[in-house]
N, C-alpha and C. Protein backbone atom coordinates (compact mmCIF):
# COMPACT_ATOMS: atom_id res chain seq x y z
N MET A 1 159.92 181.98 163.51
CA MET A 1 158.44 181.62 163.45
C MET A 1 157.63 180.25 164.05
N PRO A 2 156.78 180.69 164.80
CA PRO A 2 156.29 179.11 165.75
C PRO A 2 156.09 178.16 164.78
N ALA A 3 156.16 177.14 165.02
CA ALA A 3 155.91 175.69 164.46
C ALA A 3 154.64 175.64 164.44
N THR A 4 154.17 175.13 163.51
CA THR A 4 152.06 175.52 163.33
C THR A 4 151.95 173.38 163.48
N ARG A 5 150.99 173.54 164.29
CA ARG A 5 150.21 172.03 164.71
C ARG A 5 149.58 171.68 163.79
N ILE A 6 149.49 170.24 163.22
CA ILE A 6 149.20 169.42 162.72
C ILE A 6 148.43 168.11 162.99
N ASP A 7 146.83 168.71 163.39
CA ASP A 7 146.16 167.74 164.27
C ASP A 7 146.02 166.69 163.17
N ASN A 8 145.40 167.21 161.98
CA ASN A 8 145.08 166.32 160.88
C ASN A 8 146.20 165.56 160.08
N LEU A 9 146.79 164.57 160.53
CA LEU A 9 147.32 163.96 159.56
C LEU A 9 147.16 164.03 157.67
N THR A 10 146.26 163.57 157.95
CA THR A 10 146.08 163.46 156.65
C THR A 10 145.55 165.07 155.54
N GLY A 11 145.22 165.81 156.21
CA GLY A 11 145.02 167.01 155.41
C GLY A 11 143.36 167.40 155.65
N ALA A 12 142.66 166.16 155.44
CA ALA A 12 141.69 166.40 155.31
C ALA A 12 140.49 166.18 156.98
N SER A 13 139.62 166.99 156.60
CA SER A 13 138.90 166.76 157.93
C SER A 13 137.83 165.61 158.30
N ARG A 14 137.57 164.98 159.29
CA ARG A 14 136.65 163.87 159.55
C ARG A 14 135.12 164.24 159.64
N ALA A 15 134.81 163.69 158.49
CA ALA A 15 133.15 163.32 158.54
C ALA A 15 132.45 163.45 159.79
N PRO A 16 131.75 163.67 159.93
CA PRO A 16 130.75 163.42 161.21
C PRO A 16 130.12 161.93 160.97
N ARG A 17 129.74 160.89 162.28
CA ARG A 17 129.25 159.53 161.92
C ARG A 17 128.15 160.05 162.07
N ARG A 18 127.00 159.46 161.54
CA ARG A 18 125.61 159.39 161.94
C ARG A 18 125.33 157.67 161.93
N GLY A 19 124.07 157.74 162.07
CA GLY A 19 122.90 156.86 162.33
C GLY A 19 122.41 156.28 161.42
N VAL A 20 121.67 155.02 161.34
CA VAL A 20 120.53 154.70 159.74
C VAL A 20 119.48 155.35 160.48
N THR A 21 119.08 156.03 159.74
CA THR A 21 117.60 156.78 159.85
C THR A 21 116.38 155.73 159.74
N LEU A 22 115.22 155.99 159.96
CA LEU A 22 114.06 155.21 160.29
C LEU A 22 113.61 154.57 158.60
N ILE A 23 113.69 155.48 157.60
CA ILE A 23 113.58 155.46 156.49
C ILE A 23 114.26 154.33 155.67
N GLU A 24 115.48 154.23 156.07
CA GLU A 24 116.66 153.47 155.44
C GLU A 24 116.11 151.78 155.97
N VAL A 25 115.78 151.70 157.15
CA VAL A 25 115.11 150.34 157.64
C VAL A 25 114.03 150.06 157.21
N LEU A 26 113.23 150.58 157.07
CA LEU A 26 111.55 150.46 156.33
C LEU A 26 112.18 150.23 155.04
N ILE A 27 112.84 151.14 153.80
CA ILE A 27 113.46 150.38 152.81
C ILE A 27 114.22 149.18 152.91
N VAL A 28 114.92 148.99 153.50
CA VAL A 28 115.60 147.40 153.55
C VAL A 28 114.35 146.38 153.76
N VAL A 29 113.53 147.10 154.85
CA VAL A 29 112.28 145.64 155.14
C VAL A 29 111.42 145.30 154.27
N VAL A 30 111.29 146.56 153.50
CA VAL A 30 110.26 146.45 152.12
C VAL A 30 111.08 145.05 150.96
N ILE A 31 112.18 145.44 150.88
CA ILE A 31 113.04 144.92 150.04
C ILE A 31 113.29 143.64 150.10
N LEU A 32 113.03 143.20 151.75
CA LEU A 32 113.21 141.67 151.94
C LEU A 32 111.98 140.97 152.33
N GLY A 33 110.59 142.05 152.11
CA GLY A 33 109.41 141.58 152.07
C GLY A 33 109.07 141.08 150.51
N ILE A 34 109.55 142.01 149.81
CA ILE A 34 109.15 141.58 148.23
C ILE A 34 110.26 140.63 147.84
N ALA A 35 111.30 140.06 148.47
CA ALA A 35 111.93 139.43 147.88
C ALA A 35 111.64 137.27 148.10
N GLY A 36 111.37 137.79 149.60
CA GLY A 36 110.80 136.82 150.17
C GLY A 36 108.65 136.40 149.60
N VAL A 37 108.63 136.99 149.25
CA VAL A 37 107.33 136.72 148.67
C VAL A 37 108.07 135.98 147.12
N MET A 38 108.72 136.33 146.78
CA MET A 38 109.13 136.23 144.99
C MET A 38 110.16 134.73 145.49
N VAL A 39 110.91 134.50 146.51
CA VAL A 39 111.55 132.83 146.55
C VAL A 39 110.42 131.73 147.05
N ILE A 40 109.67 132.63 148.12
CA ILE A 40 108.94 130.89 148.71
C ILE A 40 108.30 130.46 147.98
N PRO A 41 107.39 130.94 146.84
CA PRO A 41 106.86 130.38 145.93
C PRO A 41 107.65 129.74 145.15
N SER A 42 108.85 130.31 144.96
CA SER A 42 109.21 129.15 144.11
C SER A 42 110.13 128.13 144.84
N MET A 43 110.65 127.81 145.62
CA MET A 43 111.29 126.73 146.40
C MET A 43 110.15 125.94 146.60
N ALA A 44 108.56 126.70 146.87
CA ALA A 44 107.27 125.41 147.12
C ALA A 44 106.87 124.37 145.54
N ASN A 45 107.99 125.78 144.48
CA ASN A 45 107.70 124.64 143.13
C ASN A 45 108.60 124.20 143.04
N VAL A 46 109.51 123.84 143.53
CA VAL A 46 110.85 122.98 143.33
C VAL A 46 110.18 121.36 143.28
N GLY A 47 109.36 120.38 144.13
CA GLY A 47 108.84 119.82 143.77
C GLY A 47 108.21 119.15 142.53
N VAL A 48 107.61 119.97 142.06
CA VAL A 48 106.66 120.12 141.03
C VAL A 48 107.86 120.02 139.76
N LEU A 49 108.86 121.09 139.72
CA LEU A 49 109.70 120.85 138.43
C LEU A 49 110.66 119.51 138.57
N ARG A 50 110.95 118.63 139.68
CA ARG A 50 111.65 118.05 139.78
C ARG A 50 111.00 116.70 139.15
N ILE A 51 109.06 116.66 139.51
CA ILE A 51 108.34 116.00 138.93
C ILE A 51 108.51 115.94 137.33
N GLN A 52 108.64 116.81 136.78
CA GLN A 52 108.42 117.26 135.57
C GLN A 52 109.84 117.41 134.78
N ALA A 53 110.72 117.17 135.58
CA ALA A 53 112.17 116.14 135.08
C ALA A 53 112.22 114.76 134.88
N SER A 54 111.21 114.33 135.83
CA SER A 54 111.33 112.66 135.65
C SER A 54 110.24 112.26 134.29
N VAL A 55 109.23 113.36 134.35
CA VAL A 55 108.32 112.88 133.21
C VAL A 55 109.55 113.38 131.97
N ARG A 56 110.28 114.72 131.91
CA ARG A 56 110.95 114.32 130.83
C ARG A 56 111.92 113.35 130.43
N THR A 57 112.50 113.20 131.75
CA THR A 57 113.49 111.74 131.55
C THR A 57 112.88 110.47 130.63
N LEU A 58 111.32 110.42 131.21
CA LEU A 58 110.70 109.21 130.13
C LEU A 58 110.58 109.61 129.09
N VAL A 59 109.71 110.76 128.82
CA VAL A 59 109.88 111.09 127.15
C VAL A 59 110.75 110.74 126.38
N GLY A 60 112.26 111.68 127.19
CA GLY A 60 113.34 111.28 126.10
C GLY A 60 114.20 109.91 126.17
N ASP A 61 113.76 108.68 127.01
CA ASP A 61 114.17 107.41 126.37
C ASP A 61 113.27 106.89 125.71
N VAL A 62 111.81 107.49 125.56
CA VAL A 62 111.08 106.52 124.64
C VAL A 62 111.45 106.82 123.54
N THR A 63 111.81 108.51 123.48
CA THR A 63 111.94 108.91 122.17
C THR A 63 113.65 108.36 121.40
N TYR A 64 114.40 108.36 122.37
CA TYR A 64 115.61 107.53 122.41
C TYR A 64 115.61 105.87 121.55
N ILE A 65 114.19 105.02 122.27
CA ILE A 65 114.78 104.20 121.61
C ILE A 65 113.88 103.69 120.66
N GLN A 66 112.73 104.86 120.26
CA GLN A 66 112.02 104.74 118.86
C GLN A 66 113.24 105.39 117.52
N SER A 67 113.84 105.82 118.21
CA SER A 67 114.76 106.14 116.85
C SER A 67 116.00 105.07 116.64
N GLU A 68 116.20 104.58 117.97
CA GLU A 68 117.28 103.75 117.99
C GLU A 68 116.86 102.11 116.93
N ALA A 69 115.41 102.20 117.09
CA ALA A 69 114.81 100.91 116.79
C ALA A 69 114.40 101.03 114.84
N LEU A 70 114.43 102.51 114.64
CA LEU A 70 114.46 102.89 112.94
C LEU A 70 116.18 102.37 112.95
N ALA A 71 116.92 103.16 113.58
CA ALA A 71 118.06 103.06 112.97
C ALA A 71 118.85 101.86 112.87
N ASN A 72 118.51 101.04 113.90
CA ASN A 72 119.14 100.02 113.93
C ASN A 72 118.65 98.51 113.09
N GLN A 73 117.43 98.93 112.84
CA GLN A 73 116.04 97.73 112.29
C GLN A 73 115.81 96.98 113.23
N SER A 74 115.70 97.00 114.52
CA SER A 74 115.46 96.00 115.36
C SER A 74 114.37 96.68 116.84
N ARG A 75 114.23 95.62 117.20
CA ARG A 75 113.10 96.00 118.24
C ARG A 75 113.73 96.07 119.78
N PHE A 76 112.90 97.00 120.83
CA PHE A 76 113.22 97.67 121.64
C PHE A 76 112.38 97.52 122.71
N VAL A 77 112.68 96.86 123.93
CA VAL A 77 111.28 96.68 124.70
C VAL A 77 111.36 97.74 126.10
N MET A 78 110.73 98.55 126.66
CA MET A 78 110.59 98.82 127.61
C MET A 78 109.63 98.48 128.93
N ALA A 79 110.28 98.28 129.77
CA ALA A 79 109.28 97.41 131.20
C ALA A 79 109.25 97.83 132.33
N PHE A 80 108.28 98.11 132.70
CA PHE A 80 108.13 98.71 133.65
C PHE A 80 107.89 98.28 134.68
N GLY A 81 108.15 98.76 136.09
CA GLY A 81 108.20 97.87 137.18
C GLY A 81 109.38 97.35 137.13
N ARG A 82 110.12 97.68 136.79
CA ARG A 82 111.54 96.73 136.45
C ARG A 82 112.66 97.65 136.49
N VAL A 83 113.69 97.31 137.47
CA VAL A 83 114.78 98.20 137.74
C VAL A 83 116.24 97.56 138.17
N ALA A 84 117.39 98.11 137.30
CA ALA A 84 118.62 97.07 137.28
C ALA A 84 119.16 97.62 138.57
N GLN A 85 119.83 96.68 139.09
CA GLN A 85 120.47 96.82 140.73
C GLN A 85 121.81 95.73 140.60
N GLN A 86 122.61 96.80 140.90
CA GLN A 86 123.49 96.23 140.99
C GLN A 86 124.57 95.68 142.15
N ASP A 87 124.92 94.43 142.30
CA ASP A 87 125.71 93.90 143.97
C ASP A 87 126.56 93.79 144.42
N GLU A 88 127.09 93.51 145.30
CA GLU A 88 128.65 93.85 145.71
C GLU A 88 129.69 93.52 145.06
N ASP A 89 129.34 92.70 144.40
CA ASP A 89 130.62 91.60 143.27
C ASP A 89 130.24 92.96 141.67
N GLY A 90 129.32 93.76 141.61
CA GLY A 90 129.29 94.40 140.39
C GLY A 90 128.48 93.74 139.39
N ALA A 91 128.01 92.96 140.01
CA ALA A 91 126.93 92.13 138.79
C ALA A 91 125.82 92.83 138.81
N TRP A 92 125.23 92.50 137.51
CA TRP A 92 123.61 93.32 137.41
C TRP A 92 122.65 92.29 137.51
N THR A 93 121.60 92.67 138.10
CA THR A 93 119.86 91.95 138.16
C THR A 93 118.86 92.84 137.84
N VAL A 94 117.72 92.14 137.13
CA VAL A 94 116.70 93.08 137.24
C VAL A 94 115.83 92.58 138.08
N VAL A 95 115.50 93.63 139.20
CA VAL A 95 114.41 93.75 140.11
C VAL A 95 112.82 94.30 139.90
N GLU A 96 112.19 94.08 140.84
CA GLU A 96 110.93 94.52 140.66
C GLU A 96 111.38 96.36 141.22
N GLY A 97 110.64 97.07 140.63
CA GLY A 97 110.93 98.34 141.35
C GLY A 97 109.86 99.66 140.21
N ASN A 98 110.35 100.78 141.42
CA ASN A 98 109.37 102.03 141.02
C ASN A 98 110.59 102.46 139.56
N GLY A 99 109.50 102.04 138.43
CA GLY A 99 111.19 102.75 137.32
C GLY A 99 110.50 101.74 135.90
N TYR A 100 111.46 101.66 135.11
CA TYR A 100 111.97 100.91 133.98
C TYR A 100 112.99 100.35 133.59
N THR A 101 113.47 99.16 132.77
CA THR A 101 114.42 98.58 132.18
C THR A 101 114.02 98.76 130.87
N ILE A 102 115.39 99.16 130.12
CA ILE A 102 114.87 99.16 128.52
C ILE A 102 115.85 97.74 128.03
N PHE A 103 115.14 96.82 127.27
CA PHE A 103 115.84 95.54 126.73
C PHE A 103 116.05 95.66 125.30
N ALA A 104 117.27 95.33 124.89
CA ALA A 104 117.68 95.06 123.47
C ALA A 104 117.73 93.70 123.05
N PRO A 105 116.51 93.11 122.83
CA PRO A 105 116.56 91.79 122.53
C PRO A 105 116.97 91.52 121.24
N PRO A 106 117.43 89.83 120.75
CA PRO A 106 118.04 89.66 119.30
C PRO A 106 117.17 89.77 118.55
N PRO A 107 117.17 89.87 117.30
CA PRO A 107 116.23 89.49 116.16
C PRO A 107 115.69 88.56 116.05
N GLY A 108 114.28 88.05 116.01
CA GLY A 108 114.06 86.93 115.83
C GLY A 108 113.47 86.47 117.17
N ALA A 109 113.69 86.83 118.64
CA ALA A 109 113.59 86.76 120.02
C ALA A 109 112.04 86.71 119.82
N ALA A 110 111.54 85.24 120.50
CA ALA A 110 109.95 85.56 120.93
C ALA A 110 109.58 86.25 122.21
N ALA A 111 110.54 86.05 123.13
CA ALA A 111 110.52 86.86 124.35
C ALA A 111 112.00 87.47 125.11
N ILE A 112 112.03 88.16 126.31
CA ILE A 112 112.62 88.69 126.94
C ILE A 112 112.80 88.13 128.52
N ASP A 113 114.24 87.84 128.75
CA ASP A 113 113.56 87.33 130.20
C ASP A 113 114.06 88.24 131.02
N ILE A 114 112.95 88.99 131.56
CA ILE A 114 112.91 90.36 132.38
C ILE A 114 113.76 89.94 133.99
N ALA A 115 114.11 89.06 134.01
CA ALA A 115 115.12 89.04 135.17
C ALA A 115 116.60 89.09 135.04
N SER A 116 116.81 88.76 133.94
CA SER A 116 118.42 88.82 133.03
C SER A 116 118.37 90.00 132.69
N PRO A 117 120.16 90.73 132.86
CA PRO A 117 120.31 91.56 132.97
C PRO A 117 121.04 91.07 130.87
N VAL A 118 120.55 89.98 130.81
CA VAL A 118 121.60 89.75 128.84
C VAL A 118 120.81 90.46 128.09
N ASP A 119 119.68 90.74 127.98
CA ASP A 119 119.03 91.60 126.53
C ASP A 119 118.95 92.74 127.16
N VAL A 120 119.37 93.63 128.23
CA VAL A 120 119.45 94.85 128.72
C VAL A 120 119.95 95.93 127.81
N LEU A 121 119.54 96.54 126.87
CA LEU A 121 120.39 97.93 126.93
C LEU A 121 121.52 98.44 127.87
N PHE A 122 122.56 98.81 126.91
CA PHE A 122 123.40 99.38 128.07
C PHE A 122 123.00 100.98 127.56
N ASP A 123 123.56 101.68 128.47
CA ASP A 123 123.27 103.48 128.41
C ASP A 123 124.49 103.50 127.45
N PRO A 124 124.17 104.80 126.79
CA PRO A 124 125.16 104.94 125.98
C PRO A 124 125.73 106.12 126.31
N LEU A 125 125.80 106.25 127.75
CA LEU A 125 126.49 107.57 128.16
C LEU A 125 127.55 106.75 129.23
N ASP A 126 127.25 105.97 129.68
CA ASP A 126 127.56 104.58 130.72
C ASP A 126 127.78 103.51 129.98
N HIS A 127 128.46 102.43 128.94
CA HIS A 127 128.40 101.21 128.77
C HIS A 127 128.72 100.09 129.46
N GLY A 128 128.69 100.54 130.89
CA GLY A 128 128.92 99.12 131.85
C GLY A 128 127.33 99.25 132.79
N ARG A 129 126.72 100.42 132.18
CA ARG A 129 125.28 100.48 133.10
C ARG A 129 124.09 100.46 132.32
N PRO A 130 123.15 99.42 132.56
CA PRO A 130 122.36 99.13 132.06
C PRO A 130 121.46 100.49 132.09
N MET A 131 120.58 100.64 130.88
CA MET A 131 119.56 101.67 130.29
C MET A 131 118.42 101.46 131.65
N SER A 132 118.05 102.05 132.81
CA SER A 132 117.11 101.74 133.44
C SER A 132 117.38 102.71 134.79
N ARG A 133 116.03 103.02 134.86
CA ARG A 133 115.97 104.26 135.66
C ARG A 133 114.98 104.20 136.84
N ASN A 134 115.66 104.13 138.04
CA ASN A 134 114.91 103.88 139.23
C ASN A 134 114.49 105.34 140.06
N PHE A 135 113.22 105.20 140.02
CA PHE A 135 112.38 106.72 140.12
C PHE A 135 112.42 106.59 141.88
N ASN A 136 112.96 105.57 142.87
CA ASN A 136 113.01 105.60 143.79
C ASN A 136 114.54 106.42 143.98
N ASP A 137 115.42 106.86 143.33
CA ASP A 137 116.23 107.41 143.37
C ASP A 137 116.27 109.09 143.67
N GLU A 138 117.41 109.64 144.49
CA GLU A 138 116.89 111.21 144.67
C GLU A 138 116.46 112.00 143.52
N GLN A 139 117.44 111.78 142.69
CA GLN A 139 117.07 112.77 141.86
C GLN A 139 115.38 113.05 141.03
N PHE A 140 114.97 111.93 141.37
CA PHE A 140 113.40 111.47 140.86
C PHE A 140 112.41 112.14 142.00
N ALA A 141 113.18 112.97 143.24
CA ALA A 141 112.17 113.49 143.77
C ALA A 141 110.83 112.45 144.57
N GLY A 142 111.28 111.45 144.80
CA GLY A 142 109.98 110.56 145.15
C GLY A 142 109.20 110.43 143.93
N ALA A 143 109.12 110.53 142.65
CA ALA A 143 107.98 109.98 141.52
C ALA A 143 107.59 109.02 141.53
N GLN A 144 106.61 108.21 141.47
CA GLN A 144 105.85 106.98 141.50
C GLN A 144 105.39 106.71 140.01
N ILE A 145 105.30 105.68 139.49
CA ILE A 145 104.94 105.36 138.35
C ILE A 145 103.90 103.95 139.00
N ASP A 146 102.62 104.76 138.23
CA ASP A 146 101.44 103.49 138.55
C ASP A 146 100.87 103.71 137.41
N GLN A 147 99.16 102.99 137.59
CA GLN A 147 98.44 102.78 136.49
C GLN A 147 99.38 102.55 135.13
N VAL A 148 100.42 101.74 135.06
CA VAL A 148 100.62 101.44 133.43
C VAL A 148 99.75 100.34 133.02
N ASN A 149 99.97 100.51 131.63
CA ASN A 149 98.70 100.29 130.89
C ASN A 149 99.01 99.92 129.23
N PHE A 150 99.73 98.98 128.72
CA PHE A 150 100.56 98.92 127.31
C PHE A 150 99.99 97.91 127.37
N ASN A 151 98.67 97.33 126.31
CA ASN A 151 98.73 96.22 125.80
C ASN A 151 98.07 95.05 126.72
N ASN A 152 97.31 96.29 127.80
CA ASN A 152 97.26 95.09 129.05
C ASN A 152 98.13 94.53 129.86
N GLY A 153 99.46 94.99 129.52
CA GLY A 153 100.39 94.68 130.23
C GLY A 153 101.46 95.54 130.69
N ALA A 154 102.64 95.62 131.02
CA ALA A 154 103.50 96.53 131.45
C ALA A 154 105.08 96.57 130.66
N LEU A 155 104.78 95.79 129.36
CA LEU A 155 105.67 96.20 128.29
C LEU A 155 105.29 97.00 126.85
N LEU A 156 106.50 97.53 126.77
CA LEU A 156 105.88 99.13 125.59
C LEU A 156 106.76 98.46 124.58
N ILE A 157 106.47 97.42 123.84
CA ILE A 157 107.36 96.94 122.45
C ILE A 157 107.22 98.03 121.39
N PHE A 158 108.41 98.61 120.86
CA PHE A 158 108.40 99.00 119.91
C PHE A 158 108.87 98.12 118.45
N ASP A 159 108.48 98.50 117.07
CA ASP A 159 109.03 97.65 116.33
C ASP A 159 110.10 98.48 115.28
N GLU A 160 110.48 97.84 114.26
CA GLU A 160 111.57 98.66 113.16
C GLU A 160 111.50 99.91 113.15
N LEU A 161 110.28 100.30 113.03
CA LEU A 161 109.87 101.94 112.56
C LEU A 161 109.54 102.42 113.70
N GLY A 162 109.70 102.25 114.88
CA GLY A 162 109.50 103.16 116.04
C GLY A 162 107.89 103.04 116.64
N GLY A 163 107.03 102.41 115.97
CA GLY A 163 105.66 101.98 116.25
C GLY A 163 105.71 100.98 116.77
N PRO A 164 104.78 101.21 118.44
CA PRO A 164 104.33 100.22 119.11
C PRO A 164 103.58 98.83 118.55
N VAL A 165 103.95 97.59 119.04
CA VAL A 165 103.65 96.36 118.60
C VAL A 165 102.63 95.93 119.56
N LEU A 166 102.12 94.78 119.47
CA LEU A 166 101.47 93.60 120.25
C LEU A 166 102.75 92.61 120.99
N ASN A 167 103.43 92.40 120.44
CA ASN A 167 104.62 91.72 120.90
C ASN A 167 105.39 91.48 119.89
N LEU A 168 106.79 90.70 120.24
CA LEU A 168 108.64 90.53 119.82
C LEU A 168 108.42 89.94 118.52
N THR A 169 107.28 89.12 118.13
CA THR A 169 107.03 88.59 117.09
C THR A 169 106.21 89.03 116.23
N SER A 170 105.20 89.72 116.51
CA SER A 170 104.05 90.57 115.51
C SER A 170 104.22 91.56 115.02
N ASP A 171 103.73 91.83 113.88
CA ASP A 171 103.92 93.17 113.03
C ASP A 171 102.57 93.94 113.21
N GLU A 172 101.58 93.56 113.98
CA GLU A 172 100.41 93.82 114.85
C GLU A 172 100.30 94.96 115.05
N PRO A 173 100.07 96.29 114.85
CA PRO A 173 100.13 97.64 116.04
C PRO A 173 99.39 97.41 117.14
N GLY A 174 100.37 97.63 117.92
CA GLY A 174 99.97 97.69 119.30
C GLY A 174 98.65 98.44 119.34
N ALA A 175 97.75 98.65 120.76
CA ALA A 175 97.34 99.56 121.20
C ALA A 175 97.51 101.02 121.93
N GLY A 176 98.71 100.85 121.69
CA GLY A 176 99.58 102.18 122.61
C GLY A 176 99.37 101.64 124.16
N GLY A 177 98.93 102.81 124.70
CA GLY A 177 99.05 102.61 126.02
C GLY A 177 99.28 104.32 127.26
N SER A 178 99.04 104.11 128.30
CA SER A 178 99.69 105.30 129.27
C SER A 178 100.13 104.64 130.43
N LEU A 179 100.46 105.94 131.01
CA LEU A 179 100.82 105.66 132.88
C LEU A 179 100.80 106.94 133.17
N ARG A 180 100.72 106.93 134.64
CA ARG A 180 101.03 108.15 135.44
C ARG A 180 102.23 108.26 136.04
N ILE A 181 102.98 109.49 136.33
CA ILE A 181 103.64 109.92 136.81
C ILE A 181 103.48 110.91 138.16
N VAL A 182 103.22 110.42 139.54
CA VAL A 182 102.81 111.22 140.60
C VAL A 182 103.92 111.25 141.29
N GLY A 183 103.76 112.83 141.82
CA GLY A 183 104.31 113.31 142.91
C GLY A 183 103.62 113.62 144.18
N THR A 184 104.09 114.42 145.37
CA THR A 184 103.69 114.72 146.34
C THR A 184 102.45 115.63 145.73
N ASP A 185 102.46 116.69 145.23
CA ASP A 185 101.38 117.52 144.76
C ASP A 185 101.12 117.54 143.56
N SER A 186 101.41 116.76 142.62
CA SER A 186 101.44 117.23 140.80
C SER A 186 100.95 115.68 140.56
N ALA A 187 101.06 115.58 139.29
CA ALA A 187 100.94 114.22 138.15
C ALA A 187 100.18 114.32 137.26
N PHE A 188 101.19 113.68 136.45
CA PHE A 188 101.15 113.47 134.67
C PHE A 188 100.78 112.61 134.59
N GLN A 189 99.93 112.40 133.57
CA GLN A 189 99.85 111.21 132.68
C GLN A 189 100.40 111.11 131.51
N VAL A 190 101.27 110.10 130.98
CA VAL A 190 102.45 109.94 129.54
C VAL A 190 101.41 108.98 128.96
N SER A 191 100.99 109.27 127.70
CA SER A 191 100.70 108.00 126.77
C SER A 191 100.92 107.88 125.41
N VAL A 192 101.22 106.52 124.96
CA VAL A 192 101.58 106.75 123.68
C VAL A 192 101.05 106.16 122.38
N GLU A 193 100.63 106.93 121.72
CA GLU A 193 99.17 106.79 120.83
C GLU A 193 99.87 105.37 119.61
N PRO A 194 99.50 104.66 119.36
CA PRO A 194 99.28 103.41 118.36
C PRO A 194 99.56 103.95 116.83
N PHE A 195 100.65 103.34 116.37
CA PHE A 195 100.94 103.32 114.92
C PHE A 195 102.72 104.49 115.11
N THR A 196 101.77 105.38 115.36
CA THR A 196 102.59 106.29 115.34
C THR A 196 104.04 106.32 116.57
N GLY A 197 103.25 106.09 117.83
CA GLY A 197 104.12 105.93 118.83
C GLY A 197 104.51 107.53 119.55
N ARG A 198 103.62 108.25 118.96
CA ARG A 198 103.51 109.55 119.44
C ARG A 198 103.10 110.01 120.85
N VAL A 199 104.35 110.69 121.85
CA VAL A 199 104.40 110.61 123.02
C VAL A 199 103.47 112.02 123.31
N GLU A 200 102.36 112.01 124.27
CA GLU A 200 101.28 112.96 124.83
C GLU A 200 101.89 112.68 126.02
N VAL A 201 102.09 114.42 127.01
CA VAL A 201 101.71 114.54 128.42
C VAL A 201 100.89 115.41 128.72
N VAL A 202 100.14 114.86 129.69
CA VAL A 202 98.97 115.98 130.31
C VAL A 202 98.80 115.76 131.61
N ARG A 203 99.06 117.29 132.66
CA ARG A 203 98.73 117.20 133.90
C ARG A 203 97.32 116.51 134.42
N VAL A 204 97.22 115.88 135.31
CA VAL A 204 96.09 115.48 135.54
C VAL A 204 95.98 115.78 137.32
N ASP A 205 94.48 115.43 137.73
CA ASP A 205 94.73 115.37 139.26
C ASP A 205 96.03 114.56 139.98
N PRO A 206 96.41 114.55 140.94
CA PRO A 206 97.64 113.58 141.58
C PRO A 206 96.54 112.17 142.36
């Protein structure tokens, strides 16, 4: 009996190769176009989202020290235009800058030394670092704090009940105040109401 020749060792016939049709190419192009329309506006909104994150950071810090003031029956000061800075030796100083630093003066203190870290409240998540936000840091996307006005100054002082007051030794309620956080294409006004210390955020023109 003659031997049978097997050309296809797998026993299966090879399917003929075919190219990509014009319709398939058009479908891919349309899908990529739709994805581009969805992604590009989202990328454009990244700056706005990061400015909003800066606003949330500020509001979170205000809320935190209000609760700490009530819990510890002590006064806290948020000093705007002041940021903590560490030198080469690891020592902290407080200098002028685009941000704020929170102070926890001792009971009965009539004033704080803004340039000194002695009365600075340290970060509860990092006890070796002052609770200070420098908005020139990359994470804040170039946000600028301006138009700060709390009792005609740059100090927001909370009493033992978490309400704004005129100064460290006064029980007279403060007038509240506001500031703006400004980005490249968006701006927000953050207001602190008198008596209650309620925080309100409104989007405004840059």
